[in-house]
């Protein structure tokens, strides 16, 4: 899962529209990740096709603002990604704390001989 998709799904834990998703993502990443409209709407179409999000509501007047929300399938994918990211972070922290262990691991050509 890309970082953009991850933040889009987080933004859709409650119903949200395109501009709101962009704002939420900017807020969560302190401005580091700014989704362009083309990227966002391409991702939304992809997520709709996968069944990870669904159309929540649509304003019929003016600009036809659409709100989307995450589905049960999308929530499961998000939970899987959170689990994957947690594992990455835990492994990184664990190995960072044990430099001698890491050095023995890399000197052995990637095999652990602890």
N, C-alpha and C. Protein backbone atom coordinates (compact mmCIF):
# COMPACT_ATOMS: atom_id res chain seq x y z
N UNK A 1 0.85 -1.17 0.00
CA UNK A 1 0.00 0.00 0.00
C UNK A 1 0.90 1.24 0.00
N UNK A 2 0.59 2.18 -0.87
CA UNK A 2 1.39 3.40 -0.91
C UNK A 2 1.03 4.30 0.27
N UNK A 3 1.91 5.23 0.55
CA UNK A 3 1.67 6.17 1.63
C UNK A 3 0.41 7.01 1.35
N UNK A 4 0.22 7.41 0.10
CA UNK A 4 -0.96 8.18 -0.26
C UNK A 4 -2.25 7.42 0.01
N UNK A 5 -2.30 6.15 -0.41
CA UNK A 5 -3.49 5.32 -0.17
C UNK A 5 -3.73 5.15 1.32
N UNK A 6 -2.67 4.94 2.07
CA UNK A 6 -2.77 4.79 3.52
C UNK A 6 -3.46 6.02 4.14
N UNK A 7 -3.00 7.20 3.77
CA UNK A 7 -3.57 8.42 4.34
C UNK A 7 -4.98 8.70 3.81
N UNK A 8 -5.25 8.33 2.59
CA UNK A 8 -6.62 8.48 2.07
C UNK A 8 -7.57 7.61 2.89
N UNK A 9 -7.18 6.36 3.13
CA UNK A 9 -8.04 5.47 3.91
C UNK A 9 -8.22 5.99 5.34
N UNK A 10 -7.15 6.49 5.95
CA UNK A 10 -7.29 7.08 7.29
C UNK A 10 -8.26 8.26 7.27
N UNK A 11 -8.18 9.05 6.21
CA UNK A 11 -9.05 10.21 6.08
C UNK A 11 -10.52 9.83 5.89
N UNK A 12 -10.75 8.61 5.47
CA UNK A 12 -12.11 8.16 5.20
C UNK A 12 -12.69 7.26 6.28
N UNK A 13 -12.07 7.24 7.45
CA UNK A 13 -12.66 6.53 8.58
C UNK A 13 -13.98 7.19 8.96
N UNK A 14 -14.11 8.46 8.63
CA UNK A 14 -15.39 9.16 8.70
C UNK A 14 -15.63 9.75 7.31
N UNK A 15 -16.89 9.93 6.93
CA UNK A 15 -17.17 10.44 5.58
C UNK A 15 -16.41 11.75 5.29
N UNK A 16 -15.86 11.84 4.09
CA UNK A 16 -15.06 13.00 3.72
C UNK A 16 -15.14 13.18 2.21
N UNK A 17 -14.93 14.40 1.76
CA UNK A 17 -14.91 14.72 0.33
C UNK A 17 -13.46 14.96 -0.10
N UNK A 18 -13.26 15.09 -1.40
CA UNK A 18 -11.91 15.20 -1.95
C UNK A 18 -11.04 16.26 -1.30
N UNK A 19 -11.55 17.48 -1.22
CA UNK A 19 -10.75 18.54 -0.64
C UNK A 19 -10.48 18.26 0.84
N UNK A 20 -11.45 17.68 1.53
CA UNK A 20 -11.26 17.31 2.93
C UNK A 20 -10.19 16.25 3.11
N UNK A 21 -10.11 15.32 2.16
CA UNK A 21 -9.08 14.28 2.20
C UNK A 21 -7.70 14.93 2.05
N UNK A 22 -7.59 15.87 1.11
CA UNK A 22 -6.32 16.57 0.90
C UNK A 22 -5.92 17.31 2.18
N UNK A 23 -6.87 18.01 2.79
CA UNK A 23 -6.61 18.75 4.02
C UNK A 23 -6.21 17.81 5.16
N UNK A 24 -6.94 16.71 5.32
CA UNK A 24 -6.63 15.74 6.38
C UNK A 24 -5.23 15.17 6.24
N UNK A 25 -4.88 14.83 5.00
CA UNK A 25 -3.55 14.27 4.73
C UNK A 25 -2.46 15.28 5.06
N UNK A 26 -2.67 16.52 4.65
CA UNK A 26 -1.70 17.57 4.95
C UNK A 26 -1.55 17.74 6.47
N UNK A 27 -2.66 17.70 7.18
CA UNK A 27 -2.64 17.86 8.63
C UNK A 27 -1.93 16.69 9.31
N UNK A 28 -2.26 15.46 8.91
CA UNK A 28 -1.65 14.28 9.53
C UNK A 28 -0.15 14.20 9.30
N UNK A 29 0.31 14.73 8.16
CA UNK A 29 1.74 14.63 7.82
C UNK A 29 2.47 15.96 8.02
N UNK A 30 1.85 16.88 8.71
CA UNK A 30 2.44 18.22 8.92
C UNK A 30 2.88 18.86 7.61
N UNK A 31 2.08 18.67 6.57
CA UNK A 31 2.34 19.29 5.27
C UNK A 31 3.33 18.56 4.40
N UNK A 32 3.88 17.45 4.87
CA UNK A 32 4.89 16.71 4.11
C UNK A 32 4.30 16.05 2.86
N UNK A 33 3.08 15.53 2.99
CA UNK A 33 2.44 14.82 1.87
C UNK A 33 1.25 15.64 1.38
N UNK A 34 1.40 16.19 0.19
CA UNK A 34 0.31 16.96 -0.42
C UNK A 34 -0.18 16.21 -1.64
N UNK A 35 -1.38 15.69 -1.56
CA UNK A 35 -1.96 14.95 -2.67
C UNK A 35 -2.48 15.92 -3.72
N UNK A 36 -2.07 15.75 -4.95
CA UNK A 36 -2.63 16.54 -6.04
C UNK A 36 -4.00 16.00 -6.40
N UNK A 37 -4.83 16.85 -6.98
CA UNK A 37 -6.20 16.45 -7.33
C UNK A 37 -6.21 15.24 -8.26
N UNK A 38 -5.34 15.24 -9.26
CA UNK A 38 -5.30 14.12 -10.20
C UNK A 38 -4.93 12.81 -9.52
N UNK A 39 -3.93 12.87 -8.66
CA UNK A 39 -3.51 11.69 -7.90
C UNK A 39 -4.64 11.20 -7.00
N UNK A 40 -5.27 12.15 -6.31
CA UNK A 40 -6.34 11.80 -5.38
C UNK A 40 -7.51 11.13 -6.10
N UNK A 41 -7.99 11.74 -7.16
CA UNK A 41 -9.17 11.20 -7.82
C UNK A 41 -8.87 9.90 -8.56
N UNK A 42 -7.64 9.73 -9.04
CA UNK A 42 -7.24 8.44 -9.59
C UNK A 42 -7.26 7.36 -8.52
N UNK A 43 -6.74 7.72 -7.33
CA UNK A 43 -6.73 6.78 -6.20
C UNK A 43 -8.15 6.46 -5.75
N UNK A 44 -9.00 7.48 -5.69
CA UNK A 44 -10.40 7.25 -5.28
C UNK A 44 -11.08 6.27 -6.23
N UNK A 45 -10.88 6.46 -7.53
CA UNK A 45 -11.49 5.53 -8.51
C UNK A 45 -10.97 4.12 -8.31
N UNK A 46 -9.67 3.99 -8.07
CA UNK A 46 -9.06 2.68 -7.83
C UNK A 46 -9.66 2.04 -6.57
N UNK A 47 -9.79 2.83 -5.49
CA UNK A 47 -10.32 2.32 -4.22
C UNK A 47 -11.80 1.95 -4.35
N UNK A 48 -12.54 2.70 -5.14
CA UNK A 48 -13.95 2.36 -5.40
C UNK A 48 -14.05 1.03 -6.13
N UNK A 49 -13.19 0.83 -7.15
CA UNK A 49 -13.18 -0.43 -7.91
C UNK A 49 -12.84 -1.62 -7.03
N UNK A 50 -11.89 -1.43 -6.08
CA UNK A 50 -11.49 -2.51 -5.18
C UNK A 50 -12.54 -2.78 -4.10
N UNK A 51 -13.45 -1.84 -3.91
CA UNK A 51 -14.45 -1.97 -2.86
C UNK A 51 -13.94 -1.55 -1.49
N UNK A 52 -12.81 -0.82 -1.46
CA UNK A 52 -12.23 -0.38 -0.19
C UNK A 52 -12.92 0.87 0.36
N UNK A 53 -13.53 1.65 -0.56
CA UNK A 53 -14.32 2.81 -0.15
C UNK A 53 -15.63 2.78 -0.93
N UNK A 54 -16.59 3.58 -0.48
CA UNK A 54 -17.86 3.68 -1.18
C UNK A 54 -18.32 5.12 -1.15
N UNK A 55 -19.20 5.46 -2.08
CA UNK A 55 -19.79 6.79 -2.10
C UNK A 55 -20.75 6.89 -0.93
N UNK A 56 -20.56 7.89 -0.09
CA UNK A 56 -21.40 8.07 1.09
C UNK A 56 -22.58 9.00 0.79
N UNK A 57 -22.29 10.11 0.12
CA UNK A 57 -23.35 11.06 -0.26
C UNK A 57 -22.85 11.92 -1.41
N UNK A 58 -23.80 12.54 -2.08
CA UNK A 58 -23.46 13.39 -3.21
C UNK A 58 -24.41 14.58 -3.21
N UNK A 59 -23.84 15.79 -3.26
CA UNK A 59 -24.65 17.00 -3.37
C UNK A 59 -25.11 17.13 -4.80
N UNK A 60 -26.38 17.26 -5.00
CA UNK A 60 -26.91 17.35 -6.37
C UNK A 60 -26.75 18.76 -6.95
N UNK A 61 -26.80 19.77 -6.09
CA UNK A 61 -26.68 21.14 -6.59
C UNK A 61 -25.22 21.56 -6.68
N UNK A 62 -24.99 22.66 -7.29
CA UNK A 62 -23.68 23.31 -7.48
C UNK A 62 -22.63 22.35 -8.03
N UNK A 63 -21.56 22.11 -7.28
CA UNK A 63 -20.41 21.37 -7.80
C UNK A 63 -20.50 19.86 -7.62
N UNK A 64 -21.61 19.37 -7.16
CA UNK A 64 -21.79 17.92 -6.97
C UNK A 64 -20.68 17.33 -6.09
N UNK A 65 -20.50 17.91 -4.91
CA UNK A 65 -19.49 17.43 -3.98
C UNK A 65 -19.86 16.00 -3.54
N UNK A 66 -18.91 15.10 -3.64
CA UNK A 66 -19.13 13.71 -3.25
C UNK A 66 -18.36 13.42 -1.98
N UNK A 67 -19.00 12.71 -1.07
CA UNK A 67 -18.33 12.23 0.14
C UNK A 67 -18.15 10.73 0.04
N UNK A 68 -17.00 10.27 0.48
CA UNK A 68 -16.66 8.86 0.45
C UNK A 68 -16.41 8.40 1.88
N UNK A 69 -16.50 7.08 2.08
CA UNK A 69 -16.22 6.51 3.39
C UNK A 69 -15.60 5.13 3.18
N UNK A 70 -14.75 4.72 4.11
CA UNK A 70 -14.09 3.42 4.03
C UNK A 70 -15.13 2.31 4.24
N UNK A 71 -14.92 1.17 3.57
CA UNK A 71 -15.79 0.01 3.74
C UNK A 71 -15.14 -0.99 4.71
N UNK A 72 -15.85 -2.04 5.00
CA UNK A 72 -15.30 -3.11 5.86
C UNK A 72 -14.05 -3.71 5.23
N UNK A 73 -14.07 -3.90 3.92
CA UNK A 73 -12.91 -4.45 3.20
C UNK A 73 -11.73 -3.47 3.27
N UNK A 74 -12.02 -2.20 3.09
CA UNK A 74 -10.98 -1.17 3.18
C UNK A 74 -10.40 -1.08 4.57
N UNK A 75 -11.26 -1.19 5.57
CA UNK A 75 -10.80 -1.16 6.97
C UNK A 75 -9.88 -2.35 7.25
N UNK A 76 -10.22 -3.52 6.71
CA UNK A 76 -9.37 -4.71 6.89
C UNK A 76 -8.00 -4.48 6.22
N UNK A 77 -8.00 -3.89 5.03
CA UNK A 77 -6.74 -3.61 4.33
C UNK A 77 -5.91 -2.60 5.13
N UNK A 78 -6.57 -1.60 5.70
CA UNK A 78 -5.89 -0.61 6.51
C UNK A 78 -5.29 -1.25 7.76
N UNK A 79 -6.05 -2.12 8.41
CA UNK A 79 -5.55 -2.82 9.60
C UNK A 79 -4.35 -3.70 9.25
N UNK A 80 -4.40 -4.37 8.11
CA UNK A 80 -3.26 -5.18 7.66
C UNK A 80 -2.02 -4.31 7.46
N UNK A 81 -2.23 -3.14 6.86
CA UNK A 81 -1.10 -2.23 6.61
C UNK A 81 -0.54 -1.68 7.92
N UNK A 82 -1.41 -1.37 8.86
CA UNK A 82 -0.94 -0.89 10.17
C UNK A 82 -0.11 -1.98 10.84
N UNK A 83 -0.54 -3.23 10.73
CA UNK A 83 0.22 -4.35 11.27
C UNK A 83 1.58 -4.48 10.61
N UNK A 84 1.61 -4.32 9.29
CA UNK A 84 2.87 -4.42 8.54
C UNK A 84 3.82 -3.28 8.96
N UNK A 85 3.28 -2.08 9.05
CA UNK A 85 4.10 -0.93 9.44
C UNK A 85 4.60 -1.06 10.87
N UNK A 86 3.76 -1.59 11.75
CA UNK A 86 4.16 -1.80 13.14
C UNK A 86 5.32 -2.78 13.21
N UNK A 87 5.24 -3.87 12.44
CA UNK A 87 6.33 -4.84 12.40
C UNK A 87 7.62 -4.20 11.90
N UNK A 88 7.54 -3.40 10.84
CA UNK A 88 8.72 -2.72 10.32
C UNK A 88 9.35 -1.83 11.38
N UNK A 89 8.51 -1.07 12.06
CA UNK A 89 8.99 -0.15 13.08
C UNK A 89 9.62 -0.90 14.26
N UNK A 90 8.95 -1.95 14.72
CA UNK A 90 9.49 -2.73 15.84
C UNK A 90 10.81 -3.38 15.48
N UNK A 91 10.92 -3.93 14.29
CA UNK A 91 12.18 -4.55 13.87
C UNK A 91 13.28 -3.52 13.77
N UNK A 92 12.97 -2.35 13.22
CA UNK A 92 13.96 -1.30 13.12
C UNK A 92 14.44 -0.83 14.48
N UNK A 93 13.52 -0.64 15.40
CA UNK A 93 13.90 -0.20 16.75
C UNK A 93 14.72 -1.27 17.46
N UNK A 94 14.31 -2.53 17.31
CA UNK A 94 15.02 -3.62 17.97
C UNK A 94 16.44 -3.75 17.45
N UNK A 95 16.59 -3.70 16.14
CA UNK A 95 17.93 -3.85 15.56
C UNK A 95 18.80 -2.63 15.81
N UNK A 96 18.20 -1.47 15.88
CA UNK A 96 18.94 -0.25 16.16
C UNK A 96 19.53 -0.28 17.58
N UNK A 97 18.83 -0.93 18.51
CA UNK A 97 19.29 -1.02 19.90
C UNK A 97 20.39 -2.05 20.08
N UNK A 98 20.55 -2.95 19.12
CA UNK A 98 21.53 -4.03 19.26
C UNK A 98 22.55 -3.97 18.12
N UNK A 99 23.40 -2.94 18.11
CA UNK A 99 24.35 -2.80 16.98
C UNK A 99 25.33 -3.97 16.86
N UNK A 100 25.79 -4.53 17.97
CA UNK A 100 26.73 -5.65 17.89
C UNK A 100 26.04 -6.85 17.22
N UNK A 101 24.79 -7.08 17.57
CA UNK A 101 24.02 -8.16 16.97
C UNK A 101 23.85 -7.92 15.47
N UNK A 102 23.57 -6.70 15.09
CA UNK A 102 23.40 -6.34 13.69
C UNK A 102 24.69 -6.53 12.93
N UNK A 103 25.83 -6.15 13.53
CA UNK A 103 27.12 -6.30 12.87
C UNK A 103 27.43 -7.77 12.64
N UNK A 104 27.17 -8.61 13.62
CA UNK A 104 27.42 -10.06 13.44
C UNK A 104 26.53 -10.61 12.34
N UNK A 105 25.30 -10.13 12.26
CA UNK A 105 24.35 -10.57 11.25
C UNK A 105 24.86 -10.21 9.86
N UNK A 106 25.31 -8.96 9.68
CA UNK A 106 25.74 -8.53 8.35
C UNK A 106 27.08 -9.15 7.98
N UNK A 107 27.97 -9.36 8.94
CA UNK A 107 29.26 -9.99 8.65
C UNK A 107 29.10 -11.44 8.21
N UNK A 108 28.04 -12.05 8.66
CA UNK A 108 27.79 -13.45 8.31
C UNK A 108 27.08 -13.59 6.97
N UNK A 109 26.95 -12.47 6.26
CA UNK A 109 26.33 -12.53 4.95
C UNK A 109 24.82 -12.64 5.02
N UNK A 110 24.25 -12.07 6.07
CA UNK A 110 22.80 -12.07 6.19
C UNK A 110 22.26 -13.23 6.99
N UNK A 111 23.12 -14.14 7.41
CA UNK A 111 22.66 -15.27 8.22
C UNK A 111 22.97 -14.98 9.67
N UNK A 112 22.05 -15.32 10.51
CA UNK A 112 22.21 -15.05 11.94
C UNK A 112 22.96 -16.23 12.58
N UNK A 113 24.10 -15.93 13.21
CA UNK A 113 24.89 -16.96 13.90
C UNK A 113 25.08 -16.53 15.35
N UNK A 114 23.98 -16.12 16.04
CA UNK A 114 24.09 -15.54 17.35
C UNK A 114 24.30 -16.49 18.43
